[in-house]
Amino acid sequence: MSNLREELKYKIIENLNLEDLSVEDIGNNDLLFGDDIGLDSIDALEIIVLLEKDYGIKITDPKQGKEIFESIETIAQFIEKNQ
């Protein structure tokens, strides 16, 4: 899964309609929520659906979700560990 991080960036941009961003604009460790990328709670729900649909990953604990969705890197690590 060497391209997992790039794939996640692409899918997040596509699914969240982030037309102002490109894959190159998102660093693996950029904060998805807050100052770096600026996603919100609606975006988090869409990412949850994306992970379930595309990777078979279910997130049931909101505290766990906050940790997982910190960055592209944390999402990728969670997928690699749980797939």
N, C-alpha and C. Protein backbone atom coordinates (compact mmCIF):
# COMPACT_ATOMS: atom_id res chain seq x y z
N MET A 1 0.82 -1.20 0.00
CA MET A 1 0.00 0.00 0.00
C MET A 1 0.86 1.26 0.00
N SER A 2 1.87 1.29 -0.81
CA SER A 2 2.77 2.43 -0.83
C SER A 2 2.08 3.71 -1.29
N ASN A 3 1.04 3.59 -2.08
CA ASN A 3 0.33 4.76 -2.57
C ASN A 3 -0.91 5.08 -1.74
N LEU A 4 -1.07 4.45 -0.59
CA LEU A 4 -2.27 4.65 0.22
C LEU A 4 -2.45 6.11 0.61
N ARG A 5 -1.39 6.78 1.00
CA ARG A 5 -1.50 8.17 1.42
C ARG A 5 -1.96 9.06 0.28
N GLU A 6 -1.37 8.86 -0.90
CA GLU A 6 -1.78 9.65 -2.07
C GLU A 6 -3.23 9.33 -2.45
N GLU A 7 -3.58 8.06 -2.38
CA GLU A 7 -4.94 7.62 -2.68
C GLU A 7 -5.95 8.28 -1.72
N LEU A 8 -5.61 8.32 -0.43
CA LEU A 8 -6.48 8.95 0.55
C LEU A 8 -6.66 10.44 0.26
N LYS A 9 -5.57 11.11 -0.06
CA LYS A 9 -5.66 12.54 -0.39
C LYS A 9 -6.61 12.76 -1.56
N TYR A 10 -6.42 11.97 -2.61
CA TYR A 10 -7.25 12.09 -3.80
C TYR A 10 -8.73 11.85 -3.46
N LYS A 11 -8.99 10.78 -2.72
CA LYS A 11 -10.38 10.44 -2.39
C LYS A 11 -11.03 11.49 -1.49
N ILE A 12 -10.27 12.03 -0.55
CA ILE A 12 -10.83 13.07 0.31
C ILE A 12 -11.13 14.33 -0.50
N ILE A 13 -10.23 14.71 -1.37
CA ILE A 13 -10.47 15.89 -2.23
C ILE A 13 -11.70 15.66 -3.09
N GLU A 14 -11.81 14.49 -3.70
CA GLU A 14 -12.95 14.18 -4.58
C GLU A 14 -14.26 14.10 -3.80
N ASN A 15 -14.28 13.33 -2.71
CA ASN A 15 -15.51 13.11 -1.96
C ASN A 15 -16.01 14.34 -1.23
N LEU A 16 -15.10 15.21 -0.82
CA LEU A 16 -15.49 16.41 -0.08
C LEU A 16 -15.57 17.64 -0.98
N ASN A 17 -15.38 17.43 -2.27
CA ASN A 17 -15.43 18.53 -3.25
C ASN A 17 -14.52 19.68 -2.86
N LEU A 18 -13.29 19.36 -2.52
CA LEU A 18 -12.31 20.38 -2.14
C LEU A 18 -11.60 20.87 -3.40
N GLU A 19 -12.31 21.59 -4.22
CA GLU A 19 -11.82 22.00 -5.54
C GLU A 19 -10.60 22.91 -5.47
N ASP A 20 -10.40 23.61 -4.35
CA ASP A 20 -9.27 24.52 -4.22
C ASP A 20 -7.97 23.81 -3.84
N LEU A 21 -8.07 22.51 -3.54
CA LEU A 21 -6.89 21.76 -3.11
C LEU A 21 -6.49 20.71 -4.14
N SER A 22 -5.19 20.44 -4.19
CA SER A 22 -4.70 19.32 -4.99
C SER A 22 -3.99 18.36 -4.04
N VAL A 23 -3.68 17.18 -4.53
CA VAL A 23 -2.99 16.18 -3.73
C VAL A 23 -1.68 16.76 -3.17
N GLU A 24 -1.00 17.56 -3.98
CA GLU A 24 0.28 18.14 -3.57
C GLU A 24 0.12 19.16 -2.45
N ASP A 25 -1.07 19.74 -2.30
CA ASP A 25 -1.32 20.75 -1.27
C ASP A 25 -1.44 20.16 0.13
N ILE A 26 -1.68 18.86 0.22
CA ILE A 26 -1.92 18.23 1.51
C ILE A 26 -0.69 17.40 1.90
N GLY A 27 -0.06 17.80 2.99
CA GLY A 27 1.07 17.04 3.52
C GLY A 27 0.55 15.86 4.32
N ASN A 28 1.32 14.80 4.39
CA ASN A 28 0.88 13.61 5.13
C ASN A 28 0.59 13.90 6.59
N ASN A 29 1.27 14.88 7.16
CA ASN A 29 1.09 15.20 8.58
C ASN A 29 0.35 16.51 8.82
N ASP A 30 -0.20 17.11 7.78
CA ASP A 30 -1.02 18.31 7.96
C ASP A 30 -2.27 17.96 8.76
N LEU A 31 -2.66 18.85 9.66
CA LEU A 31 -3.89 18.64 10.43
C LEU A 31 -5.08 18.79 9.50
N LEU A 32 -5.94 17.77 9.44
CA LEU A 32 -7.10 17.83 8.56
C LEU A 32 -8.15 18.80 9.09
N PHE A 33 -8.27 18.86 10.41
CA PHE A 33 -9.25 19.75 11.04
C PHE A 33 -8.49 20.86 11.75
N GLY A 34 -8.95 22.09 11.57
CA GLY A 34 -8.24 23.22 12.17
C GLY A 34 -7.51 24.02 11.13
N ASP A 35 -6.35 24.51 11.49
CA ASP A 35 -5.65 25.50 10.68
C ASP A 35 -5.14 25.02 9.32
N ASP A 36 -4.62 23.79 9.25
CA ASP A 36 -3.96 23.37 8.00
C ASP A 36 -4.96 23.20 6.85
N ILE A 37 -5.86 22.24 6.95
CA ILE A 37 -6.80 21.93 5.87
C ILE A 37 -8.17 22.54 6.14
N GLY A 38 -8.59 22.55 7.40
CA GLY A 38 -9.82 23.24 7.78
C GLY A 38 -11.11 22.45 7.56
N LEU A 39 -11.05 21.14 7.67
CA LEU A 39 -12.27 20.35 7.53
C LEU A 39 -13.15 20.53 8.75
N ASP A 40 -14.45 20.16 8.62
CA ASP A 40 -15.38 20.31 9.74
C ASP A 40 -16.06 18.98 10.05
N SER A 41 -17.03 19.00 10.95
CA SER A 41 -17.67 17.76 11.41
C SER A 41 -18.45 17.06 10.30
N ILE A 42 -19.02 17.79 9.38
CA ILE A 42 -19.72 17.17 8.24
C ILE A 42 -18.70 16.41 7.39
N ASP A 43 -17.53 17.01 7.19
CA ASP A 43 -16.47 16.34 6.44
C ASP A 43 -16.05 15.05 7.14
N ALA A 44 -16.00 15.08 8.47
CA ALA A 44 -15.62 13.88 9.23
C ALA A 44 -16.60 12.75 8.95
N LEU A 45 -17.88 13.06 8.92
CA LEU A 45 -18.90 12.03 8.62
C LEU A 45 -18.69 11.45 7.23
N GLU A 46 -18.36 12.30 6.28
CA GLU A 46 -18.13 11.82 4.92
C GLU A 46 -16.87 10.94 4.85
N ILE A 47 -15.86 11.27 5.63
CA ILE A 47 -14.65 10.44 5.67
C ILE A 47 -14.97 9.08 6.28
N ILE A 48 -15.81 9.06 7.32
CA ILE A 48 -16.23 7.79 7.92
C ILE A 48 -16.90 6.90 6.88
N VAL A 49 -17.81 7.48 6.10
CA VAL A 49 -18.50 6.72 5.04
C VAL A 49 -17.48 6.23 4.01
N LEU A 50 -16.54 7.08 3.63
CA LEU A 50 -15.50 6.71 2.67
C LEU A 50 -14.69 5.52 3.17
N LEU A 51 -14.28 5.55 4.43
CA LEU A 51 -13.47 4.45 4.98
C LEU A 51 -14.25 3.15 5.03
N GLU A 52 -15.54 3.24 5.38
CA GLU A 52 -16.37 2.03 5.41
C GLU A 52 -16.55 1.47 4.01
N LYS A 53 -16.87 2.34 3.06
CA LYS A 53 -17.17 1.90 1.70
C LYS A 53 -15.93 1.38 0.97
N ASP A 54 -14.84 2.12 1.05
CA ASP A 54 -13.66 1.79 0.24
C ASP A 54 -12.67 0.85 0.92
N TYR A 55 -12.66 0.84 2.26
CA TYR A 55 -11.65 0.06 2.97
C TYR A 55 -12.23 -0.93 3.97
N GLY A 56 -13.55 -0.96 4.12
CA GLY A 56 -14.18 -1.88 5.05
C GLY A 56 -13.87 -1.59 6.51
N ILE A 57 -13.55 -0.34 6.81
CA ILE A 57 -13.16 0.08 8.16
C ILE A 57 -14.35 0.77 8.82
N LYS A 58 -14.70 0.31 10.02
CA LYS A 58 -15.78 0.95 10.79
C LYS A 58 -15.20 1.64 12.01
N ILE A 59 -15.63 2.87 12.23
CA ILE A 59 -15.20 3.62 13.40
C ILE A 59 -16.44 3.87 14.24
N THR A 60 -16.45 3.29 15.43
CA THR A 60 -17.64 3.40 16.28
C THR A 60 -17.44 4.31 17.48
N ASP A 61 -16.20 4.52 17.89
CA ASP A 61 -15.90 5.34 19.05
C ASP A 61 -15.49 6.74 18.60
N PRO A 62 -16.28 7.78 18.97
CA PRO A 62 -15.95 9.15 18.55
C PRO A 62 -14.56 9.61 19.01
N LYS A 63 -14.11 9.18 20.18
CA LYS A 63 -12.77 9.55 20.65
C LYS A 63 -11.71 8.95 19.74
N GLN A 64 -11.94 7.72 19.31
CA GLN A 64 -11.01 7.05 18.40
C GLN A 64 -10.99 7.81 17.07
N GLY A 65 -12.15 8.23 16.61
CA GLY A 65 -12.24 8.96 15.35
C GLY A 65 -11.42 10.23 15.37
N LYS A 66 -11.44 10.94 16.48
CA LYS A 66 -10.69 12.19 16.59
C LYS A 66 -9.19 11.94 16.42
N GLU A 67 -8.71 10.85 17.00
CA GLU A 67 -7.29 10.49 16.87
C GLU A 67 -6.96 10.03 15.46
N ILE A 68 -7.84 9.23 14.88
CA ILE A 68 -7.61 8.68 13.55
C ILE A 68 -7.60 9.78 12.49
N PHE A 69 -8.49 10.74 12.61
CA PHE A 69 -8.64 11.78 11.59
C PHE A 69 -7.71 12.97 11.76
N GLU A 70 -6.69 12.82 12.57
CA GLU A 70 -5.77 13.94 12.78
C GLU A 70 -5.08 14.35 11.48
N SER A 71 -4.64 13.36 10.69
CA SER A 71 -3.91 13.65 9.45
C SER A 71 -4.07 12.48 8.48
N ILE A 72 -3.59 12.67 7.27
CA ILE A 72 -3.57 11.59 6.28
C ILE A 72 -2.74 10.43 6.83
N GLU A 73 -1.63 10.75 7.48
CA GLU A 73 -0.75 9.72 8.03
C GLU A 73 -1.47 8.86 9.06
N THR A 74 -2.22 9.49 9.97
CA THR A 74 -2.90 8.71 11.01
C THR A 74 -4.02 7.86 10.43
N ILE A 75 -4.69 8.37 9.40
CA ILE A 75 -5.73 7.57 8.73
C ILE A 75 -5.09 6.37 8.04
N ALA A 76 -4.00 6.60 7.32
CA ALA A 76 -3.31 5.52 6.60
C ALA A 76 -2.81 4.45 7.57
N GLN A 77 -2.23 4.88 8.68
CA GLN A 77 -1.74 3.92 9.67
C GLN A 77 -2.89 3.08 10.23
N PHE A 78 -4.03 3.70 10.47
CA PHE A 78 -5.19 2.98 10.99
C PHE A 78 -5.68 1.96 9.97
N ILE A 79 -5.73 2.34 8.71
CA ILE A 79 -6.17 1.41 7.66
C ILE A 79 -5.19 0.24 7.57
N GLU A 80 -3.90 0.53 7.54
CA GLU A 80 -2.89 -0.53 7.42
C GLU A 80 -2.97 -1.51 8.61
N LYS A 81 -3.28 -1.00 9.77
CA LYS A 81 -3.34 -1.83 10.97
C LYS A 81 -4.63 -2.65 11.05
N ASN A 82 -5.71 -2.15 10.47
CA ASN A 82 -7.03 -2.76 10.66
C ASN A 82 -7.63 -3.40 9.42
N GLN A 83 -6.93 -3.40 8.33
CA GLN A 83 -7.53 -3.97 7.12
C GLN A 83 -7.17 -5.42 6.97
